[in-house]
Every structure is written in structure tokens, then in C-alpha cells.
N, C-alpha and C. Protein backbone atom coordinates (compact mmCIF):
# COMPACT_ATOMS: atom_id res chain seq x y z
N UNK A 1 9.70 -2.37 7.31
CA UNK A 1 9.20 -1.50 7.06
C UNK A 1 10.02 -0.24 6.97
N UNK A 2 9.80 0.37 6.36
CA UNK A 2 11.21 1.83 6.09
C UNK A 2 9.97 2.48 6.74
N UNK A 3 10.64 4.13 7.18
CA UNK A 3 9.68 4.94 8.42
C UNK A 3 8.83 4.91 6.66
N UNK A 4 9.00 5.66 5.88
CA UNK A 4 8.05 5.98 4.76
C UNK A 4 7.12 5.42 4.26
N UNK A 5 7.37 3.82 4.41
CA UNK A 5 6.29 3.36 3.58
C UNK A 5 4.95 3.57 4.91
N UNK A 6 5.66 3.36 6.32
CA UNK A 6 4.88 3.41 7.45
C UNK A 6 3.48 4.43 7.55
N UNK A 7 4.08 5.23 7.25
CA UNK A 7 4.03 6.70 7.43
C UNK A 7 3.09 7.21 6.52
N UNK A 8 2.82 6.62 5.15
CA UNK A 8 1.96 6.34 4.08
C UNK A 8 0.98 5.20 4.48
N UNK A 9 1.32 4.60 5.32
CA UNK A 9 -0.20 3.46 5.74
C UNK A 9 -0.58 4.19 6.37
N UNK A 10 0.19 4.78 7.72
CA UNK A 10 -1.25 5.45 8.60
C UNK A 10 -1.42 6.19 7.70
N UNK A 11 -1.66 6.91 7.14
CA UNK A 11 -1.86 8.11 6.22
C UNK A 11 -3.19 7.87 5.48
N UNK A 12 -2.98 6.61 5.14
CA UNK A 12 -4.29 5.67 4.03
C UNK A 12 -5.38 5.29 5.35
N UNK A 13 -4.70 4.43 6.20
CA UNK A 13 -6.20 4.19 7.22
C UNK A 13 -6.44 5.41 7.30
N UNK A 14 -5.63 6.34 7.97
CA UNK A 14 -7.12 7.53 8.14
C UNK A 14 -7.41 8.44 7.32
N UNK A 15 -7.49 8.18 6.33
CA UNK A 15 -8.07 8.99 4.92
C UNK A 15 -9.88 7.66 4.70
N UNK A 16 -9.24 6.48 5.26
CA UNK A 16 -9.91 5.16 4.40
C UNK A 16 -11.02 5.41 5.37
N UNK A 17 -10.19 5.37 7.04
CA UNK A 17 -11.93 5.91 8.00
C UNK A 17 -12.28 6.97 7.89
N UNK A 18 -11.76 7.67 7.65
CA UNK A 18 -12.47 9.25 7.51
C UNK A 18 -13.67 9.00 6.15
N UNK A 19 -13.18 8.54 4.96
CA UNK A 19 -13.90 8.04 3.63
C UNK A 19 -15.18 7.37 4.14
N UNK A 20 -14.78 5.68 5.17
CA UNK A 20 -15.76 5.42 5.48
C UNK A 20 -16.98 5.18 6.18
N UNK A 21 -16.64 6.42 6.82
CA UNK A 21 -18.27 7.24 7.74
C UNK A 21 -18.48 8.22 7.05
N UNK A 22 -17.68 8.89 5.70
CA UNK A 22 -18.28 9.94 5.68
C UNK A 22 -18.78 9.83 4.07
N UNK A 23 -17.63 9.45 3.45
CA UNK A 23 -18.28 9.65 1.67
C UNK A 23 -18.65 7.85 1.42
N UNK A 24 -18.42 6.94 1.82
CA UNK A 24 -18.74 5.80 1.62
C UNK A 24 -19.54 5.05 2.47
N UNK A 25 -20.44 6.21 3.23
CA UNK A 25 -21.69 5.47 3.92
C UNK A 25 -22.78 4.98 3.12
N UNK A 26 -23.05 5.39 1.67
CA UNK A 26 -24.24 4.87 1.13
C UNK A 26 -24.31 3.29 1.04
N UNK A 27 -22.58 2.49 1.12
CA UNK A 27 -23.31 1.65 0.89
C UNK A 27 -23.97 0.65 1.71
N UNK A 28 -24.91 0.38 1.61
CA UNK A 28 -26.25 -0.47 1.77
C UNK A 28 -25.48 -1.28 3.36
N UNK A 29 -26.10 -1.67 4.12
CA UNK A 29 -25.77 -3.16 4.60
C UNK A 29 -24.78 -3.60 5.51
N UNK A 30 -23.50 -2.66 5.76
CA UNK A 30 -22.31 -2.80 6.08
C UNK A 30 -22.03 -2.37 7.28
N UNK A 31 -22.86 -1.60 8.04
CA UNK A 31 -22.66 -1.27 9.52
C UNK A 31 -21.42 -0.39 9.98
N UNK A 32 -20.69 -0.49 10.68
CA UNK A 32 -19.57 0.38 10.85
C UNK A 32 -18.57 -0.51 10.82
N UNK A 33 -17.88 0.36 9.62
CA UNK A 33 -16.57 -0.32 9.03
C UNK A 33 -15.68 0.57 9.69
N UNK A 34 -14.29 -0.37 10.05
CA UNK A 34 -12.85 0.48 10.98
C UNK A 34 -12.06 -0.28 10.06
N UNK A 35 -11.45 0.88 9.67
CA UNK A 35 -10.29 -0.19 9.18
C UNK A 35 -9.26 -0.52 10.32
N UNK A 36 -8.31 -1.31 10.41
CA UNK A 36 -7.91 -1.75 11.58
C UNK A 36 -6.38 -1.83 11.36
N UNK A 37 -6.15 -2.30 10.09
CA UNK A 37 -4.31 -2.05 9.77
C UNK A 37 -4.74 -2.32 8.18
N UNK A 38 -3.36 -0.91 7.71
CA UNK A 38 -2.75 -1.66 6.04
C UNK A 38 -1.70 -1.46 6.41
N UNK A 39 -0.96 -3.05 5.53
CA UNK A 39 0.23 -2.62 5.26
C UNK A 39 0.51 -2.99 3.72
N UNK A 40 1.46 -2.08 3.27
CA UNK A 40 1.81 -1.31 2.07
C UNK A 40 3.07 -2.05 1.75
N UNK A 41 3.37 -2.11 0.34
CA UNK A 41 4.26 -2.82 0.12
C UNK A 41 5.48 -1.84 -0.14
N UNK A 42 6.88 -2.44 -0.37
CA UNK A 42 8.46 -0.81 -0.27
C UNK A 42 7.91 -0.14 -1.32
N UNK A 43 7.63 -0.34 -2.59
CA UNK A 43 7.24 0.10 -3.90
C UNK A 43 6.18 1.19 -3.82
N UNK A 44 5.41 0.71 -2.91
CA UNK A 44 4.53 2.01 -2.81
C UNK A 44 2.65 1.52 -3.67
N UNK A 45 3.22 0.53 -4.06
CA UNK A 45 2.23 0.28 -5.55
C UNK A 45 1.38 -0.91 -4.83
N UNK A 46 1.10 -1.35 -4.03
CA UNK A 46 0.13 -2.12 -3.27
C UNK A 46 0.04 -1.85 -1.90
N UNK A 47 -1.15 -2.16 -1.42
CA UNK A 47 -1.84 -2.38 -0.30
C UNK A 47 -2.90 -3.35 -0.23
N UNK A 48 -2.80 -3.68 1.56
CA UNK A 48 -3.42 -4.79 1.88
C UNK A 48 -4.20 -3.85 2.89
N UNK A 49 -5.58 -3.95 2.61
CA UNK A 49 -6.55 -3.16 4.16
C UNK A 49 -7.27 -4.05 4.45
N UNK A 50 -7.15 -4.32 5.88
CA UNK A 50 -7.83 -5.11 7.01
C UNK A 50 -9.02 -4.49 7.47
N UNK A 51 -10.35 -4.64 7.14
CA UNK A 51 -10.94 -4.02 7.75
C UNK A 51 -12.16 -4.66 8.76
N UNK A 52 -12.82 -4.15 9.61
CA UNK A 52 -13.31 -4.91 10.61
C UNK A 52 -15.78 -3.98 10.35
N UNK A 53 -16.09 -4.51 10.85
CA UNK A 53 -17.43 -4.77 10.61
C UNK A 53 -18.14 -4.55 11.98
N UNK A 54 -18.69 -3.97 12.54
CA UNK A 54 -19.73 -3.53 13.21
C UNK A 54 -21.16 -3.13 13.22
N UNK A 55 -22.16 -4.25 13.55
CA UNK A 55 -23.62 -4.53 12.72
C UNK A 55 -23.58 -4.23 12.13
N UNK A 56 -22.78 -5.43 10.82
CA UNK A 56 -23.46 -5.71 10.05
C UNK A 56 -24.65 -6.30 9.84
N UNK A 57 -25.65 -6.08 8.75
CA UNK A 57 -27.08 -7.24 8.67
C UNK A 57 -26.33 -8.61 7.59
N UNK A 58 -25.09 -8.18 6.80
CA UNK A 58 -24.97 -9.62 5.55
C UNK A 58 -23.68 -10.30 6.35
N UNK A 59 -23.36 -11.33 5.15
CA UNK A 59 -22.41 -11.52 5.87
C UNK A 59 -20.99 -11.49 5.40
N UNK A 60 -19.74 -11.41 6.21
CA UNK A 60 -18.88 -10.90 5.62
C UNK A 60 -18.13 -11.13 4.58
N UNK A 61 -18.27 -12.00 3.56
CA UNK A 61 -18.19 -11.90 2.32
C UNK A 61 -18.81 -10.58 1.51
N UNK A 62 -20.09 -11.09 1.65
CA UNK A 62 -21.02 -9.97 0.84
C UNK A 62 -20.74 -8.84 1.40
N UNK A 63 -20.01 -7.61 2.09
CA UNK A 63 -19.74 -6.92 2.27
C UNK A 63 -18.29 -6.60 1.86
N UNK A 64 -17.36 -7.31 1.77
CA UNK A 64 -16.25 -7.30 1.88
C UNK A 64 -16.40 -7.61 -0.31
N UNK A 65 -17.51 -7.96 -1.15
CA UNK A 65 -17.90 -7.96 -1.94
C UNK A 65 -18.36 -6.47 -2.45
N UNK A 66 -19.15 -5.50 -1.60
CA UNK A 66 -19.78 -4.67 -1.68
C UNK A 66 -18.58 -3.82 -1.97
N UNK A 67 -17.67 -3.45 -1.24
CA UNK A 67 -16.23 -2.80 -1.03
C UNK A 67 -15.49 -2.58 -1.74
N UNK A 68 -15.78 -4.27 -2.72
CA UNK A 68 -14.20 -3.89 -3.59
C UNK A 68 -15.33 -3.54 -4.64
N UNK A 69 -16.43 -3.58 -4.59
CA UNK A 69 -16.84 -2.92 -5.80
C UNK A 69 -16.73 -1.30 -6.08
N UNK A 70 -16.51 -0.86 -4.98
CA UNK A 70 -16.08 0.49 -5.43
C UNK A 70 -14.92 0.54 -5.33
N UNK A 71 -14.18 0.21 -5.24
CA UNK A 71 -12.34 -0.55 -5.06
C UNK A 71 -12.20 0.91 -5.55
N UNK A 72 -12.17 1.37 -6.72
CA UNK A 72 -11.79 2.31 -8.19
C UNK A 72 -12.29 3.74 -7.52
N UNK A 73 -13.78 4.38 -6.55
CA UNK A 73 -14.59 4.74 -6.31
C UNK A 73 -13.19 5.48 -4.59
N UNK A 74 -13.18 4.59 -4.23
CA UNK A 74 -12.56 4.85 -2.63
C UNK A 74 -10.90 5.00 -2.93
N UNK A 75 -10.11 4.68 -4.52
CA UNK A 75 -8.63 5.07 -4.73
C UNK A 75 -9.09 6.61 -5.23
N UNK A 76 -9.94 6.79 -5.92
CA UNK A 76 -10.05 8.25 -6.37
C UNK A 76 -10.42 9.24 -5.41
N UNK A 77 -10.92 8.85 -3.97
CA UNK A 77 -11.33 9.75 -3.21
C UNK A 77 -10.00 9.64 -2.18
N UNK A 78 -9.34 9.15 -2.12
CA UNK A 78 -7.92 8.75 -1.37
C UNK A 78 -6.74 9.68 -2.45
N UNK A 79 -7.24 9.68 -3.93
CA UNK A 79 -5.78 10.52 -4.57
C UNK A 79 -6.26 11.56 -4.37
N UNK A 80 -7.96 12.25 -3.83
CA UNK A 80 -7.73 13.95 -3.52
C UNK A 80 -7.04 14.26 -2.84
N UNK A 81 -7.20 13.20 -1.57
CA UNK A 81 -6.36 13.62 -0.16
C UNK A 81 -4.85 13.32 0.08
N UNK A 82 -4.73 12.71 -0.32
CA UNK A 82 -3.13 12.14 -0.45
C UNK A 82 -2.39 12.68 -1.48
N UNK A 83 -1.29 12.68 -1.44
CA UNK A 83 -0.52 13.50 -2.56
C UNK A 83 0.71 12.30 -2.93
N UNK A 84 0.19 11.67 -3.99
CA UNK A 84 1.44 10.36 -3.94
C UNK A 84 1.71 10.31 -5.34
N UNK A 85 2.64 9.40 -5.85
CA UNK A 85 3.23 10.03 -7.38
C UNK A 85 1.86 8.56 -7.52
N UNK A 86 1.58 7.93 -7.06
CA UNK A 86 1.01 6.44 -7.75
C UNK A 86 0.46 6.55 -6.42
N UNK A 87 -1.16 6.14 -6.17
CA UNK A 87 -1.92 6.00 -5.44
C UNK A 87 -2.12 3.54 -5.63
N UNK A 88 -1.61 3.87 -4.25
CA UNK A 88 -1.18 1.72 -4.41
C UNK A 88 -2.61 1.95 -4.75
N UNK A 89 -2.48 0.25 -5.50
CA UNK A 89 -3.25 -0.78 -5.76
C UNK A 89 -4.27 -1.20 -4.11
N UNK A 90 -5.78 -1.04 -4.23
CA UNK A 90 -5.72 -1.60 -2.56
C UNK A 90 -6.30 -3.18 -2.52
N UNK A 91 -6.23 -3.83 -1.51
CA UNK A 91 -6.80 -5.37 -1.45
C UNK A 91 -7.54 -5.12 -0.56
N UNK A 92 -8.94 -5.96 -0.27
CA UNK A 92 -9.48 -5.12 1.24
C UNK A 92 -9.50 -7.20 1.81
N UNK A 93 -9.02 -7.03 3.05
CA UNK A 93 -9.66 -8.48 3.54
C UNK A 93 -10.48 -7.83 4.68
N UNK A 94 -10.54 -9.26 5.93
CA UNK A 94 -11.02 -9.22 6.63
C UNK A 94 -10.62 -9.11 8.03
N UNK A 95 -10.69 -8.26 9.57
CA UNK A 95 -9.90 -9.33 10.12
C UNK A 95 -10.53 -9.56 10.56
N UNK A 96 -10.17 -10.41 11.42
CA UNK A 96 -10.50 -11.35 12.56
C UNK A 96 -10.55 -11.65 13.30
N UNK A 97 -8.88 -10.67 13.46
CA UNK A 97 -8.59 -11.07 14.92
C UNK A 97 -9.40 -10.43 16.46
N UNK A 98 -10.23 -9.80 15.76
CA UNK A 98 -10.85 -9.55 17.12
C UNK A 98 -11.72 -11.00 17.85
N UNK A 99 -12.24 -11.49 16.79
CA UNK A 99 -13.14 -13.17 16.92
C UNK A 99 -12.61 -13.78 17.50
N UNK A 100 -11.07 -13.86 16.61
CA UNK A 100 -10.09 -14.63 17.47
C UNK A 100 -9.78 -14.36 18.57
N UNK A 101 -9.45 -13.70 18.83
CA UNK A 101 -8.93 -12.81 20.68
C UNK A 101 -9.90 -13.59 21.88
N UNK A 102 -11.55 -12.71 21.17
CA UNK A 102 -12.70 -13.77 21.36
C UNK A 102 -12.46 -15.34 22.50
N UNK A 103 -12.25 -15.31 20.90
CA UNK A 103 -12.59 -17.63 20.80
C UNK A 103 -11.19 -18.05 21.62
N UNK A 104 -10.14 -17.23 21.81
CA UNK A 104 -9.23 -17.31 22.32
C UNK A 104 -9.49 -17.38 24.08
N UNK A 105 -9.99 -16.20 24.57
CA UNK A 105 -10.69 -16.47 25.55
C UNK A 105 -11.43 -16.82 26.34
N UNK A 106 -12.64 -17.30 25.19
CA UNK A 106 -13.70 -18.65 26.25
C UNK A 106 -12.63 -19.52 26.09
N UNK A 107 -12.09 -20.20 26.12
CA UNK A 107 -11.59 -21.31 25.83
C UNK A 107 -10.44 -21.49 26.99
N UNK A 108 -9.96 -20.82 27.34
CA UNK A 108 -9.06 -19.99 28.28
C UNK A 108 -9.82 -20.03 29.68
N UNK A 109 -11.07 -19.16 29.34
CA UNK A 109 -12.18 -19.05 30.79
C UNK A 109 -12.15 -20.96 30.74
N UNK A 110 -12.65 -21.28 29.67
CA UNK A 110 -14.17 -22.93 29.94
C UNK A 110 -12.28 -23.56 30.90
N UNK A 111 -11.19 -23.80 30.24
CA UNK A 111 -9.91 -24.26 31.19
C UNK A 111 -10.58 -23.68 32.46
N UNK A 112 -10.11 -22.72 32.82
CA UNK A 112 -10.24 -21.84 34.19
C UNK A 112 -10.96 -22.56 34.64
N UNK A 113 -13.04 -23.12 34.38
CA UNK A 113 -13.69 -23.34 35.19
C UNK A 113 -13.15 -25.30 35.72
N UNK A 114 -13.15 -25.96 33.67
CA UNK A 114 -12.94 -27.34 34.70
C UNK A 114 -11.80 -27.42 35.39
N UNK A 115 -10.71 -26.63 35.62
CA UNK A 115 -9.98 -26.44 36.30
C UNK A 115 -10.40 -26.84 38.22
N UNK A 116 -11.00 -25.24 38.07
CA UNK A 116 -12.17 -25.65 39.45
C UNK A 116 -12.95 -26.13 40.04
N UNK A 117 -14.00 -26.95 38.99
CA UNK A 117 -14.11 -28.75 39.28
C UNK A 117 -13.40 -29.42 39.78
N UNK A 118 -12.50 -29.52 39.60
CA UNK A 118 -11.22 -30.91 40.03
C UNK A 118 -11.13 -30.57 40.91
């Protein structure tokens, strides 16, 4: 990634986090939505946005559907705050790295407990 794409990705991440907490809080059942990572293509036309949900009352797939339904509105909000020739198309994905890390930690702890018994 070039320096420009990294800067644009960071700016999108920052503005999306702000928008999720203020402008898009009306989407019900999502809980706290945070943007964990934004990866943008070199031509700045497509952005992959990785989300995490805390305290959500619905399954992750349902939460992603709700956010994807508001995709045009989210792009509009970003376009108001970020000046680019083209606002990238946003694709939202669930970031499960925290759950994966927790699972790995539990497995490691389980192995250490079994070694301690032998």
C-alpha cells in the first residue's frame, strides 16, 4: 500500500467511527459498532471495512445486513467530511480476530492445564 492509500484508509476509518457513534446510532440492535480496519485498493475505488460489534442483540449477519442497507447513506456522510475525487465503494465485513484470539488463548490455557496434571 502506498502512503496515500494508507492515509485515505485511516481517514475513512476515523470518519466512519465518528459516523457510527453519532449519525448512525438510529440503527437499532447493533450495540457498539467500531471500525477495526479499512483496506483500500490502490485506485481508491473500493474499500473493505472490517467491523466489530459489542453488545449487539442480533446475530452478526443481521447486523451486517442492516449496515449494508444504509451503505449509500454512509457513503454520503463520508463524502461530506472527506474530499476525494471519487468516494470509494464500501464493502463491510465482520472482523472476528478478537474472537479468534480468545479461542486460541483458551486452547493454550487448556494445554497448559493438561501439562500441569501430567
